[in-house]
N, C-alpha and C. Protein backbone atom coordinates (compact mmCIF):
# COMPACT_ATOMS: atom_id res chain seq x y z
N MET A 1 5.67 55.54 43.12
CA MET A 1 6.34 54.54 42.23
C MET A 1 7.68 55.13 41.80
N LYS A 2 7.75 56.42 41.49
CA LYS A 2 8.94 57.17 41.14
C LYS A 2 9.80 57.19 42.22
N HIS A 3 9.32 57.40 43.46
CA HIS A 3 10.17 57.48 44.65
C HIS A 3 10.82 56.00 44.87
N TYR A 4 9.93 55.17 44.73
CA TYR A 4 10.57 53.64 44.88
C TYR A 4 11.70 53.30 43.93
N MET A 5 11.48 53.78 42.61
CA MET A 5 12.55 53.47 41.65
C MET A 5 13.76 54.23 41.86
N THR A 6 13.68 55.48 42.54
CA THR A 6 14.89 56.36 42.74
C THR A 6 15.63 55.65 43.83
N LEU A 7 14.96 55.25 44.79
CA LEU A 7 15.64 54.49 45.97
C LEU A 7 16.26 53.17 45.45
N ALA A 8 15.63 52.43 44.61
CA ALA A 8 16.22 51.17 44.12
C ALA A 8 17.50 51.51 43.23
N SER A 9 17.37 52.58 42.49
CA SER A 9 18.63 52.96 41.68
C SER A 9 19.82 53.41 42.55
N ILE A 10 19.44 54.12 43.79
CA ILE A 10 20.50 54.59 44.51
C ILE A 10 21.17 53.21 45.23
N SER A 11 20.35 52.32 45.60
CA SER A 11 20.81 51.11 46.20
C SER A 11 21.61 50.34 45.34
N LEU A 12 21.24 50.14 44.01
CA LEU A 12 22.01 49.40 43.16
C LEU A 12 23.34 50.13 42.87
N ALA A 13 23.36 51.37 42.73
CA ALA A 13 24.54 52.05 42.47
C ALA A 13 25.62 51.89 43.58
N GLY A 14 25.01 52.04 44.88
CA GLY A 14 25.88 51.69 46.11
C GLY A 14 26.40 50.25 46.07
N LEU A 15 25.58 49.35 45.79
CA LEU A 15 25.97 47.91 45.65
C LEU A 15 27.20 47.88 44.61
N LEU A 16 27.14 48.38 43.46
CA LEU A 16 28.13 48.39 42.44
C LEU A 16 29.49 48.91 42.90
N PHE A 17 29.30 50.12 43.57
CA PHE A 17 30.54 50.74 44.12
C PHE A 17 31.19 50.01 45.28
N THR A 18 30.30 49.32 46.04
CA THR A 18 30.81 48.41 47.10
C THR A 18 31.48 47.23 46.51
N GLY A 19 30.83 46.63 45.46
CA GLY A 19 31.47 45.48 44.86
C GLY A 19 32.78 45.79 44.25
N CYS A 20 32.82 46.94 43.57
CA CYS A 20 34.08 47.17 42.99
C CYS A 20 35.30 47.26 44.09
N ALA A 21 34.92 47.94 45.22
CA ALA A 21 35.80 48.04 46.29
C ALA A 21 36.26 46.91 46.90
N ILE A 22 35.39 45.97 47.16
CA ILE A 22 35.57 44.71 47.60
C ILE A 22 36.45 43.84 46.65
N GLY A 23 36.26 44.11 45.30
CA GLY A 23 36.89 43.25 44.32
C GLY A 23 38.45 43.56 44.40
N ASN A 24 38.94 44.60 45.03
CA ASN A 24 40.37 44.79 45.24
C ASN A 24 41.03 43.88 46.18
N GLN A 25 40.29 43.20 46.97
CA GLN A 25 40.78 42.27 47.93
C GLN A 25 40.01 40.95 48.26
N PRO A 26 40.62 39.91 48.11
CA PRO A 26 39.74 38.64 48.35
C PRO A 26 39.42 38.62 49.74
N SER A 27 38.14 38.20 50.06
CA SER A 27 37.73 38.01 51.42
C SER A 27 38.08 36.59 52.13
N SER A 28 37.92 36.50 53.31
CA SER A 28 38.33 35.51 53.96
C SER A 28 37.54 34.21 53.51
N ASN A 29 38.17 32.91 53.69
CA ASN A 29 37.48 31.71 53.43
C ASN A 29 37.85 30.62 54.36
N SER A 30 37.43 29.38 54.37
CA SER A 30 37.76 28.39 55.26
C SER A 30 39.18 27.76 55.10
N PHE A 31 39.65 28.06 53.92
CA PHE A 31 41.04 27.43 53.63
C PHE A 31 42.15 28.37 53.87
N ILE A 32 41.98 29.71 53.37
CA ILE A 32 43.03 30.72 53.73
C ILE A 32 42.28 31.65 54.83
N GLU A 33 42.75 31.67 56.05
CA GLU A 33 42.05 32.38 57.13
C GLU A 33 42.36 33.76 56.98
N ASP A 34 43.64 34.10 56.75
CA ASP A 34 44.14 35.56 56.64
C ASP A 34 44.41 35.91 55.28
N THR A 35 43.56 36.64 54.69
CA THR A 35 43.95 37.07 53.22
C THR A 35 44.58 38.34 53.21
N SER A 36 44.89 39.02 54.36
CA SER A 36 45.50 40.33 54.32
C SER A 36 46.97 40.31 53.72
N LEU A 37 47.56 39.27 53.80
CA LEU A 37 48.93 39.03 53.04
C LEU A 37 48.94 38.92 51.54
N LEU A 38 47.69 38.66 51.05
CA LEU A 38 47.46 38.57 49.50
C LEU A 38 47.56 39.84 48.80
N LYS A 39 48.25 39.95 47.74
CA LYS A 39 48.21 41.18 46.85
C LYS A 39 47.98 40.73 45.41
N PRO A 40 47.59 41.53 44.56
CA PRO A 40 47.50 41.20 43.19
C PRO A 40 48.74 40.45 42.67
N SER A 41 48.69 39.37 41.93
CA SER A 41 49.76 38.69 41.54
C SER A 41 50.56 39.36 40.48
N PRO A 42 51.85 39.31 40.47
CA PRO A 42 52.64 40.09 39.53
C PRO A 42 52.86 39.19 38.31
N THR A 43 52.44 37.96 38.37
CA THR A 43 52.73 37.04 37.28
C THR A 43 51.34 36.56 36.56
N LYS A 44 50.20 36.86 37.22
CA LYS A 44 49.01 36.37 36.58
C LYS A 44 47.81 37.27 37.00
N GLU A 45 47.25 37.95 35.86
CA GLU A 45 46.17 38.96 36.00
C GLU A 45 45.01 38.31 36.75
N GLY A 46 44.54 39.11 37.77
CA GLY A 46 43.36 38.60 38.39
C GLY A 46 43.54 37.75 39.66
N ALA A 47 44.67 37.15 39.80
CA ALA A 47 45.09 36.31 40.80
C ALA A 47 45.60 37.15 41.84
N TYR A 48 45.56 36.62 43.15
CA TYR A 48 46.24 37.11 44.37
C TYR A 48 47.18 36.25 44.91
N SER A 49 48.30 36.69 45.34
CA SER A 49 49.33 35.97 45.79
C SER A 49 50.14 36.53 46.95
N TYR A 50 50.98 35.68 47.55
CA TYR A 50 51.85 36.11 48.67
C TYR A 50 53.10 35.22 48.52
N LEU A 51 54.38 35.92 48.71
CA LEU A 51 55.59 35.19 48.62
C LEU A 51 56.48 35.76 49.66
N LYS A 52 56.93 34.70 50.48
CA LYS A 52 57.82 35.13 51.61
C LYS A 52 59.14 35.66 51.22
N ASP A 53 59.68 36.71 51.70
CA ASP A 53 60.93 37.27 51.17
C ASP A 53 62.03 36.21 51.69
N GLY A 54 63.03 36.16 50.83
CA GLY A 54 64.29 35.48 51.25
C GLY A 54 64.20 33.95 50.96
N ILE A 55 63.21 33.50 50.37
CA ILE A 55 63.12 32.14 50.12
C ILE A 55 64.05 31.64 48.93
N ASN A 56 64.83 30.67 49.12
CA ASN A 56 65.74 30.12 48.05
C ASN A 56 65.16 28.96 47.51
N PHE A 57 64.46 28.98 46.40
CA PHE A 57 63.82 27.70 46.08
C PHE A 57 64.78 26.62 45.45
N LYS A 58 66.03 26.98 45.43
CA LYS A 58 67.08 26.08 44.88
C LYS A 58 67.40 25.09 46.01
N ASP A 59 66.89 25.37 47.21
CA ASP A 59 67.27 24.55 48.40
C ASP A 59 66.20 23.30 48.38
N TYR A 60 65.21 23.40 47.48
CA TYR A 60 64.08 22.35 47.61
C TYR A 60 64.26 21.43 46.45
N ARG A 61 64.15 20.08 46.64
CA ARG A 61 64.23 19.14 45.68
C ARG A 61 62.86 18.23 45.53
N GLU A 62 61.81 18.48 46.33
CA GLU A 62 60.62 17.64 46.49
C GLU A 62 59.48 18.52 46.78
N VAL A 63 58.40 18.13 46.01
CA VAL A 63 57.18 18.81 46.30
C VAL A 63 56.11 17.66 46.73
N ARG A 64 55.41 17.95 47.73
CA ARG A 64 54.41 16.94 48.13
C ARG A 64 53.07 17.63 48.07
N VAL A 65 52.19 17.20 47.09
CA VAL A 65 50.81 17.88 47.03
C VAL A 65 49.85 16.99 47.82
N SER A 66 49.21 17.62 48.76
CA SER A 66 48.03 16.87 49.62
C SER A 66 46.88 16.57 48.76
N ASN A 67 45.95 15.68 49.30
CA ASN A 67 44.79 15.49 48.62
C ASN A 67 43.94 16.80 48.45
N ILE A 68 43.35 16.95 47.34
CA ILE A 68 42.78 18.28 47.13
C ILE A 68 41.23 18.16 47.31
N PRO A 69 40.82 18.91 48.39
CA PRO A 69 39.34 18.80 48.66
C PRO A 69 38.64 19.92 47.87
N ILE A 70 37.28 19.62 47.64
CA ILE A 70 36.46 20.75 47.00
C ILE A 70 35.61 21.29 48.08
N VAL A 71 36.02 22.35 48.62
CA VAL A 71 35.42 22.97 49.74
C VAL A 71 33.85 23.44 49.44
N LYS A 72 33.73 23.91 48.19
CA LYS A 72 32.32 24.36 48.05
C LYS A 72 32.07 24.10 46.51
N SER A 73 30.87 23.39 46.25
CA SER A 73 30.34 23.21 45.00
C SER A 73 28.87 23.49 44.97
N ASP A 74 28.29 23.59 43.92
CA ASP A 74 26.86 23.94 43.78
C ASP A 74 26.07 22.57 43.95
N LYS A 75 25.76 22.13 45.22
CA LYS A 75 25.11 20.88 45.56
C LYS A 75 23.80 20.84 44.85
N LYS A 76 23.13 21.92 44.49
CA LYS A 76 21.84 21.79 43.81
C LYS A 76 21.90 21.37 42.39
N ASP A 77 23.04 21.53 41.88
CA ASP A 77 23.32 21.27 40.48
C ASP A 77 23.60 19.77 40.11
N GLU A 78 22.66 19.10 39.85
CA GLU A 78 22.78 17.55 39.51
C GLU A 78 23.69 17.34 38.27
N THR A 79 23.95 18.35 37.58
CA THR A 79 24.88 18.02 36.48
C THR A 79 26.36 17.85 36.79
N ILE A 80 26.71 18.10 38.00
CA ILE A 80 28.17 17.91 38.47
C ILE A 80 28.02 16.81 39.47
N SER A 81 28.49 15.60 39.14
CA SER A 81 28.37 14.46 40.10
C SER A 81 29.50 14.35 41.00
N ASN A 82 29.34 13.55 42.02
CA ASN A 82 30.38 13.25 42.96
C ASN A 82 31.53 12.60 42.36
N THR A 83 31.17 11.77 41.40
CA THR A 83 32.32 11.03 40.53
C THR A 83 33.11 12.08 39.91
N THR A 84 32.45 13.12 39.30
CA THR A 84 33.28 14.15 38.62
C THR A 84 34.17 14.89 39.59
N LEU A 85 33.65 15.29 40.80
CA LEU A 85 34.43 15.98 41.80
C LEU A 85 35.69 15.13 42.17
N ASP A 86 35.34 13.79 42.41
CA ASP A 86 36.54 12.98 42.70
C ASP A 86 37.47 12.94 41.67
N ASN A 87 37.08 12.79 40.45
CA ASN A 87 38.03 12.83 39.18
C ASN A 87 38.80 14.15 39.14
N VAL A 88 38.18 15.23 39.44
CA VAL A 88 38.88 16.56 39.47
C VAL A 88 39.96 16.57 40.32
N SER A 89 39.58 16.18 41.57
CA SER A 89 40.57 16.28 42.66
C SER A 89 41.72 15.46 42.48
N SER A 90 41.53 14.15 42.01
CA SER A 90 42.49 13.29 41.88
C SER A 90 43.53 13.62 40.54
N TYR A 91 42.97 14.07 39.52
CA TYR A 91 43.57 14.51 38.35
C TYR A 91 44.53 15.83 38.64
N PHE A 92 43.96 16.70 39.30
CA PHE A 92 44.62 18.08 39.74
C PHE A 92 45.87 17.63 40.63
N GLN A 93 45.61 16.82 41.54
CA GLN A 93 46.75 16.43 42.63
C GLN A 93 47.89 15.79 41.84
N SER A 94 47.58 14.72 41.07
CA SER A 94 48.63 14.02 40.40
C SER A 94 49.39 14.93 39.32
N SER A 95 48.67 15.56 38.64
CA SER A 95 49.25 16.49 37.64
C SER A 95 50.13 17.61 38.25
N LEU A 96 49.71 18.13 39.20
CA LEU A 96 50.38 19.26 39.92
C LEU A 96 51.71 18.71 40.62
N GLN A 97 51.56 17.56 41.20
CA GLN A 97 52.69 17.01 41.95
C GLN A 97 53.83 16.60 40.91
N TYR A 98 53.23 15.96 39.78
CA TYR A 98 54.44 15.56 38.90
C TYR A 98 55.08 16.74 38.21
N GLU A 99 54.27 17.79 37.80
CA GLU A 99 54.90 18.86 37.06
C GLU A 99 55.81 19.80 38.02
N LEU A 100 55.34 20.06 39.23
CA LEU A 100 56.15 20.88 40.15
C LEU A 100 57.55 20.09 40.48
N ASN A 101 57.40 18.77 40.72
CA ASN A 101 58.56 18.04 41.01
C ASN A 101 59.54 18.09 39.84
N SER A 102 59.00 18.03 38.63
CA SER A 102 59.95 18.11 37.45
C SER A 102 60.68 19.31 37.31
N ALA A 103 60.09 20.51 38.01
CA ALA A 103 60.82 21.76 37.96
C ALA A 103 61.87 21.81 39.00
N LEU A 104 61.82 20.91 39.90
CA LEU A 104 62.89 20.95 40.93
C LEU A 104 63.99 19.96 40.81
N GLU A 105 63.79 18.97 39.86
CA GLU A 105 64.67 17.84 39.74
C GLU A 105 66.18 18.08 39.52
N SER A 106 66.56 19.28 39.03
CA SER A 106 67.85 19.70 38.86
C SER A 106 68.45 20.42 40.05
N ASN A 107 67.72 20.69 41.10
CA ASN A 107 68.19 21.37 42.28
C ASN A 107 69.15 20.50 43.08
N ALA A 108 70.08 21.09 43.60
CA ALA A 108 71.08 20.33 44.54
C ALA A 108 70.62 20.36 45.96
N GLY A 109 69.55 21.02 46.41
CA GLY A 109 69.18 20.92 47.76
C GLY A 109 68.42 19.66 48.04
N ASN A 110 68.04 19.48 49.32
CA ASN A 110 67.29 18.28 49.74
C ASN A 110 66.15 18.45 50.49
N LYS A 111 65.65 19.86 50.67
CA LYS A 111 64.58 20.12 51.41
C LYS A 111 63.14 19.85 50.54
N ALA A 112 62.11 19.87 51.24
CA ALA A 112 60.80 19.48 50.58
C ALA A 112 59.74 20.68 50.90
N LEU A 113 58.88 20.81 49.94
CA LEU A 113 57.75 21.72 50.06
C LEU A 113 56.35 20.80 50.05
N THR A 114 55.48 21.26 50.98
CA THR A 114 54.24 20.81 51.09
C THR A 114 53.28 21.80 50.38
N VAL A 115 52.46 21.24 49.55
CA VAL A 115 51.52 22.16 48.83
C VAL A 115 50.11 21.78 49.16
N ASP A 116 49.24 22.54 49.71
CA ASP A 116 47.97 22.27 50.03
C ASP A 116 47.17 23.13 49.12
N VAL A 117 46.22 22.36 48.23
CA VAL A 117 45.33 23.07 47.37
C VAL A 117 43.90 22.82 47.72
N ALA A 118 43.05 23.68 47.52
CA ALA A 118 41.59 23.47 47.65
C ALA A 118 40.84 24.10 46.53
N ILE A 119 39.85 23.48 46.03
CA ILE A 119 38.96 23.98 45.07
C ILE A 119 37.75 24.66 45.97
N THR A 120 37.90 26.05 45.98
CA THR A 120 37.04 26.62 46.92
C THR A 120 35.69 27.11 46.29
N SER A 121 35.56 26.81 45.16
CA SER A 121 34.18 27.03 44.35
C SER A 121 34.15 26.44 43.06
N LEU A 122 33.19 25.73 42.80
CA LEU A 122 32.87 25.12 41.52
C LEU A 122 31.53 25.02 41.19
N GLY A 123 31.11 25.77 39.97
CA GLY A 123 29.68 25.68 39.66
C GLY A 123 29.47 26.60 38.47
N LYS A 124 28.28 26.49 37.86
CA LYS A 124 27.82 27.18 36.73
C LYS A 124 27.21 28.40 37.19
N GLU A 125 27.53 29.53 36.48
CA GLU A 125 27.13 30.81 36.76
C GLU A 125 26.46 31.62 35.52
N TYR A 126 25.48 32.49 35.59
CA TYR A 126 25.14 33.23 34.54
C TYR A 126 26.23 34.28 34.10
N LYS A 127 26.12 34.64 32.87
CA LYS A 127 27.28 35.32 32.15
C LYS A 127 27.33 36.82 32.49
N ASP A 128 26.55 37.38 33.44
CA ASP A 128 26.48 38.76 33.61
C ASP A 128 27.84 39.40 34.03
N LEU A 129 28.70 38.61 34.82
CA LEU A 129 29.95 39.13 35.31
C LEU A 129 31.07 39.08 34.44
N LYS A 130 31.91 40.06 34.49
CA LYS A 130 33.27 39.89 33.66
C LYS A 130 34.22 38.92 34.49
N LEU A 131 35.27 38.46 33.78
CA LEU A 131 36.14 37.47 34.24
C LEU A 131 36.70 37.98 35.67
N TYR A 132 37.27 39.28 35.79
CA TYR A 132 37.88 39.70 36.81
C TYR A 132 36.95 39.75 38.13
N GLN A 133 35.57 39.83 37.92
CA GLN A 133 34.59 39.87 38.92
C GLN A 133 34.37 38.61 39.59
N TYR A 134 34.84 37.43 39.01
CA TYR A 134 34.59 36.23 39.64
C TYR A 134 35.73 36.08 40.62
N ILE A 135 36.93 36.56 40.47
CA ILE A 135 38.10 36.11 41.10
C ILE A 135 38.12 36.26 42.55
N PRO A 136 37.65 37.53 43.14
CA PRO A 136 37.78 37.55 44.55
C PRO A 136 36.71 36.71 45.34
N VAL A 137 37.06 35.97 46.31
CA VAL A 137 35.97 35.14 46.93
C VAL A 137 35.00 36.04 47.70
N GLY A 138 33.74 35.68 47.49
CA GLY A 138 32.67 36.46 48.04
C GLY A 138 32.41 37.80 47.70
N LEU A 139 32.70 38.02 46.36
CA LEU A 139 32.50 39.30 45.72
C LEU A 139 31.04 39.80 45.81
N ALA A 140 30.67 41.05 46.27
CA ALA A 140 29.41 41.49 46.55
C ALA A 140 28.58 41.44 45.32
N LEU A 141 29.23 41.71 44.21
CA LEU A 141 28.40 41.89 42.88
C LEU A 141 27.78 40.65 42.42
N THR A 142 28.14 39.40 43.13
CA THR A 142 27.39 38.14 42.66
C THR A 142 26.02 38.15 43.10
N VAL A 143 25.53 39.13 44.09
CA VAL A 143 24.20 39.03 44.45
C VAL A 143 23.18 39.53 43.31
N ILE A 144 23.86 40.23 42.25
CA ILE A 144 22.84 40.79 41.25
C ILE A 144 23.01 40.02 40.01
N LYS A 145 23.52 38.88 40.07
CA LYS A 145 23.56 37.98 38.80
C LYS A 145 22.17 37.49 38.56
N ARG A 146 21.84 37.38 37.34
CA ARG A 146 20.55 36.88 36.90
C ARG A 146 20.76 36.40 35.34
N GLY A 147 19.90 35.53 35.07
CA GLY A 147 19.87 35.08 33.62
C GLY A 147 18.49 34.87 33.09
N VAL A 148 18.30 34.53 31.75
CA VAL A 148 17.03 34.40 31.28
C VAL A 148 16.87 32.97 30.96
N VAL A 149 15.70 32.41 30.58
CA VAL A 149 15.41 31.07 30.31
C VAL A 149 16.25 30.73 29.06
N GLY A 150 16.99 29.74 29.09
CA GLY A 150 17.68 29.19 27.81
C GLY A 150 19.11 29.85 27.69
N GLU A 151 19.53 30.84 28.50
CA GLU A 151 20.71 31.47 28.47
C GLU A 151 21.82 30.53 28.96
N ASP A 152 22.89 30.51 28.24
CA ASP A 152 24.00 29.72 28.58
C ASP A 152 24.78 30.35 29.90
N LYS A 153 25.44 29.28 30.53
CA LYS A 153 26.15 29.86 31.82
C LYS A 153 27.74 29.61 31.56
N ASN A 154 28.43 30.27 32.59
CA ASN A 154 29.85 29.86 32.51
C ASN A 154 30.10 28.84 33.70
N LEU A 155 31.17 28.14 33.54
CA LEU A 155 31.71 27.18 34.49
C LEU A 155 32.80 27.94 35.19
N VAL A 156 32.61 28.12 36.39
CA VAL A 156 33.53 29.03 37.27
C VAL A 156 34.19 28.17 38.21
N ILE A 157 35.55 28.16 38.27
CA ILE A 157 36.34 27.32 39.16
C ILE A 157 37.28 28.25 40.12
N GLN A 158 37.16 28.17 41.30
CA GLN A 158 38.09 28.95 42.10
C GLN A 158 38.98 28.08 42.99
N ILE A 159 40.30 28.48 43.02
CA ILE A 159 41.22 27.71 43.89
C ILE A 159 42.02 28.39 44.91
N ALA A 160 42.48 27.85 45.87
CA ALA A 160 43.39 28.45 46.76
C ALA A 160 44.59 27.40 47.10
N ILE A 161 45.76 28.11 47.17
CA ILE A 161 46.98 27.27 47.39
C ILE A 161 47.85 27.94 48.51
N LYS A 162 48.33 26.92 49.48
CA LYS A 162 49.30 27.26 50.32
C LYS A 162 50.43 26.37 50.30
N VAL A 163 51.63 27.12 50.31
CA VAL A 163 52.90 26.33 50.03
C VAL A 163 53.60 26.56 51.39
N ARG A 164 54.18 25.40 51.95
CA ARG A 164 55.02 25.50 53.39
C ARG A 164 56.15 24.63 53.21
N ASP A 165 57.20 24.85 53.92
CA ASP A 165 58.34 24.13 54.19
C ASP A 165 57.91 22.99 54.90
N ALA A 166 58.22 21.70 54.33
CA ALA A 166 57.72 20.57 54.99
C ALA A 166 58.50 20.25 56.18
N SER A 167 59.57 20.79 56.41
CA SER A 167 60.43 20.59 57.80
C SER A 167 59.83 21.45 58.99
N THR A 168 59.78 22.77 58.48
CA THR A 168 59.41 23.76 59.51
C THR A 168 57.97 24.27 59.73
N ASN A 169 57.20 23.92 58.69
CA ASN A 169 55.74 24.19 58.44
C ASN A 169 55.70 25.69 58.13
N GLU A 170 56.85 26.46 57.86
CA GLU A 170 56.74 27.81 57.72
C GLU A 170 56.14 28.17 56.33
N LEU A 171 55.17 29.13 56.32
CA LEU A 171 54.38 29.52 55.21
C LEU A 171 55.18 30.22 54.09
N VAL A 172 55.38 29.63 53.02
CA VAL A 172 56.32 30.10 51.92
C VAL A 172 55.53 31.05 51.01
N ALA A 173 54.27 30.42 50.61
CA ALA A 173 53.66 31.17 49.42
C ALA A 173 52.01 30.83 49.57
N MET A 174 51.24 31.73 49.11
CA MET A 174 49.87 31.50 49.02
C MET A 174 49.31 32.06 47.62
N VAL A 175 48.24 31.56 47.01
CA VAL A 175 47.80 32.02 45.83
C VAL A 175 46.04 31.80 45.99
N VAL A 176 45.45 32.70 45.49
CA VAL A 176 43.83 32.57 45.24
C VAL A 176 43.69 32.93 43.70
N ASP A 177 43.09 32.00 42.96
CA ASP A 177 43.12 32.24 41.57
C ASP A 177 41.63 31.55 41.07
N SER A 178 41.27 32.12 39.94
CA SER A 178 39.95 31.58 39.22
C SER A 178 40.16 31.23 37.77
N ASP A 179 39.21 30.56 37.22
CA ASP A 179 39.27 30.28 35.80
C ASP A 179 37.77 30.12 35.41
N VAL A 180 37.46 30.59 34.23
CA VAL A 180 36.12 30.51 33.59
C VAL A 180 36.10 29.67 32.42
N GLN A 181 35.32 28.63 32.19
CA GLN A 181 35.01 28.05 30.91
C GLN A 181 33.52 28.51 30.48
N LYS A 182 33.52 29.13 29.23
CA LYS A 182 32.49 29.86 28.95
C LYS A 182 31.50 28.89 28.01
N GLY A 183 30.12 29.21 28.07
CA GLY A 183 29.24 28.76 27.19
C GLY A 183 28.63 27.39 27.46
N PHE A 184 28.08 27.13 28.65
CA PHE A 184 27.42 25.77 28.95
C PHE A 184 26.00 25.96 29.16
N SER A 185 25.22 25.06 28.56
CA SER A 185 23.75 25.13 28.87
C SER A 185 23.56 24.62 30.24
N ALA A 186 22.50 25.13 30.83
CA ALA A 186 22.13 24.71 32.33
C ALA A 186 22.09 23.30 32.63
N ASP A 187 21.60 22.60 31.56
CA ASP A 187 21.41 21.02 31.86
C ASP A 187 22.57 20.30 31.25
N LYS A 188 23.68 21.01 30.77
CA LYS A 188 24.90 20.32 30.38
C LYS A 188 25.56 19.55 31.55
N ARG A 189 25.77 18.19 31.44
CA ARG A 189 26.51 17.48 32.47
C ARG A 189 27.91 17.67 32.40
N ILE A 190 28.51 18.15 33.51
CA ILE A 190 29.99 18.44 33.51
C ILE A 190 30.83 17.23 33.93
N THR A 191 31.88 17.15 33.16
CA THR A 191 32.85 16.01 33.44
C THR A 191 34.23 16.60 33.56
N LEU A 192 35.20 15.70 34.02
CA LEU A 192 36.51 16.14 33.96
C LEU A 192 37.03 16.84 32.75
N THR A 193 36.51 16.24 31.60
CA THR A 193 36.95 16.94 30.27
C THR A 193 36.60 18.31 30.24
N ASP A 194 35.60 18.81 30.90
CA ASP A 194 35.19 20.09 30.80
C ASP A 194 36.08 21.02 31.78
N ILE A 195 36.55 20.53 32.85
CA ILE A 195 37.33 21.09 33.80
C ILE A 195 38.78 20.99 33.61
N LYS A 196 39.20 20.00 32.84
CA LYS A 196 40.54 19.80 32.66
C LYS A 196 41.32 20.89 31.95
N PRO A 197 40.82 21.76 31.12
CA PRO A 197 41.59 22.91 30.60
C PRO A 197 42.05 23.95 31.55
N SER A 198 41.01 24.14 32.61
CA SER A 198 41.48 25.05 33.65
C SER A 198 42.53 24.57 34.52
N ILE A 199 42.46 23.18 34.88
CA ILE A 199 43.58 22.61 35.67
C ILE A 199 44.92 22.54 34.98
N ASP A 200 44.82 22.25 33.58
CA ASP A 200 46.08 22.26 32.85
C ASP A 200 46.84 23.57 32.77
N LYS A 201 45.89 24.69 32.70
CA LYS A 201 46.30 25.91 32.56
C LYS A 201 47.06 26.35 33.89
N TRP A 202 46.45 26.12 35.08
CA TRP A 202 47.05 26.22 36.37
C TRP A 202 48.30 25.58 36.60
N VAL A 203 48.38 24.28 36.24
CA VAL A 203 49.56 23.42 36.47
C VAL A 203 50.73 24.15 35.69
N SER A 204 50.44 24.36 34.40
CA SER A 204 51.60 24.88 33.53
C SER A 204 51.95 26.31 33.95
N HIS A 205 50.97 27.18 34.42
CA HIS A 205 51.49 28.49 34.89
C HIS A 205 52.28 28.34 36.18
N TYR A 206 51.78 27.50 37.14
CA TYR A 206 52.64 27.56 38.44
C TYR A 206 53.77 26.63 38.35
N LYS A 207 53.89 25.78 37.35
CA LYS A 207 55.23 25.24 37.18
C LYS A 207 56.24 26.22 36.60
N SER A 208 55.67 26.95 35.63
CA SER A 208 56.57 28.08 35.04
C SER A 208 57.00 29.11 36.15
N THR A 209 56.02 29.44 36.96
CA THR A 209 56.35 30.31 38.07
C THR A 209 57.42 29.87 39.01
N LEU A 210 57.26 28.59 39.32
CA LEU A 210 58.42 27.95 40.16
C LEU A 210 59.71 27.84 39.45
N GLU A 211 59.79 27.67 38.21
CA GLU A 211 60.97 27.53 37.47
C GLU A 211 61.72 28.92 37.43
N LYS A 212 60.87 30.04 37.29
CA LYS A 212 61.52 31.39 37.38
C LYS A 212 61.92 31.80 38.74
N LEU A 213 61.32 31.23 39.84
CA LEU A 213 61.77 31.52 41.16
C LEU A 213 63.07 30.86 41.51
N ILE A 214 63.26 29.54 40.97
CA ILE A 214 64.34 28.95 41.08
C ILE A 214 65.46 29.63 40.48
N ASN A 215 65.29 30.17 39.19
CA ASN A 215 66.38 30.79 38.58
C ASN A 215 66.57 32.28 38.73
N LYS A 216 65.85 32.79 39.75
CA LYS A 216 65.81 34.21 40.06
C LYS A 216 67.08 34.71 40.67
């Protein structure tokens, strides 16, 4: 028994160190195939980003945000309905397109940007992990999550963003980001109202980032 516990302790320690190492770089997913370009974001703690050198954002006057798919959600969780998922996608798309375009309205250029966004993960998780541990996609530490009966969960939402020049299809920027809404009971039905604070936070941040890039 003592030998078994020793082996278990060694395995857990190895998993923790592996998880921390993996946490320094988001792994690949179906939306962003090559994450090797992504580095820790200089504007948002925990996010990863890529920005092509030499891009002059004053050349752009329009942003076109595509329909936002939810690539992965907890299909076993009946508290998050398809209606909620549709509402989240629609609200995120319209809000992001409106605010990003408002940041470009004073530009003299006439070029356009295409912004593709995907919600790469949406679901309730037990609260063992710290915020920064949720952010890398596929983090190894997630395999040791556990909760007790009646324990609240966190609502965890992950997104990926790709920005391209609409004319050339050239990749201009990429982002992988996450947000956590804390303190949800396991049987709490999730609506757009619950997810909206995360969306509004992202929209505000990336509008502000675009404005700074324009004035750089």
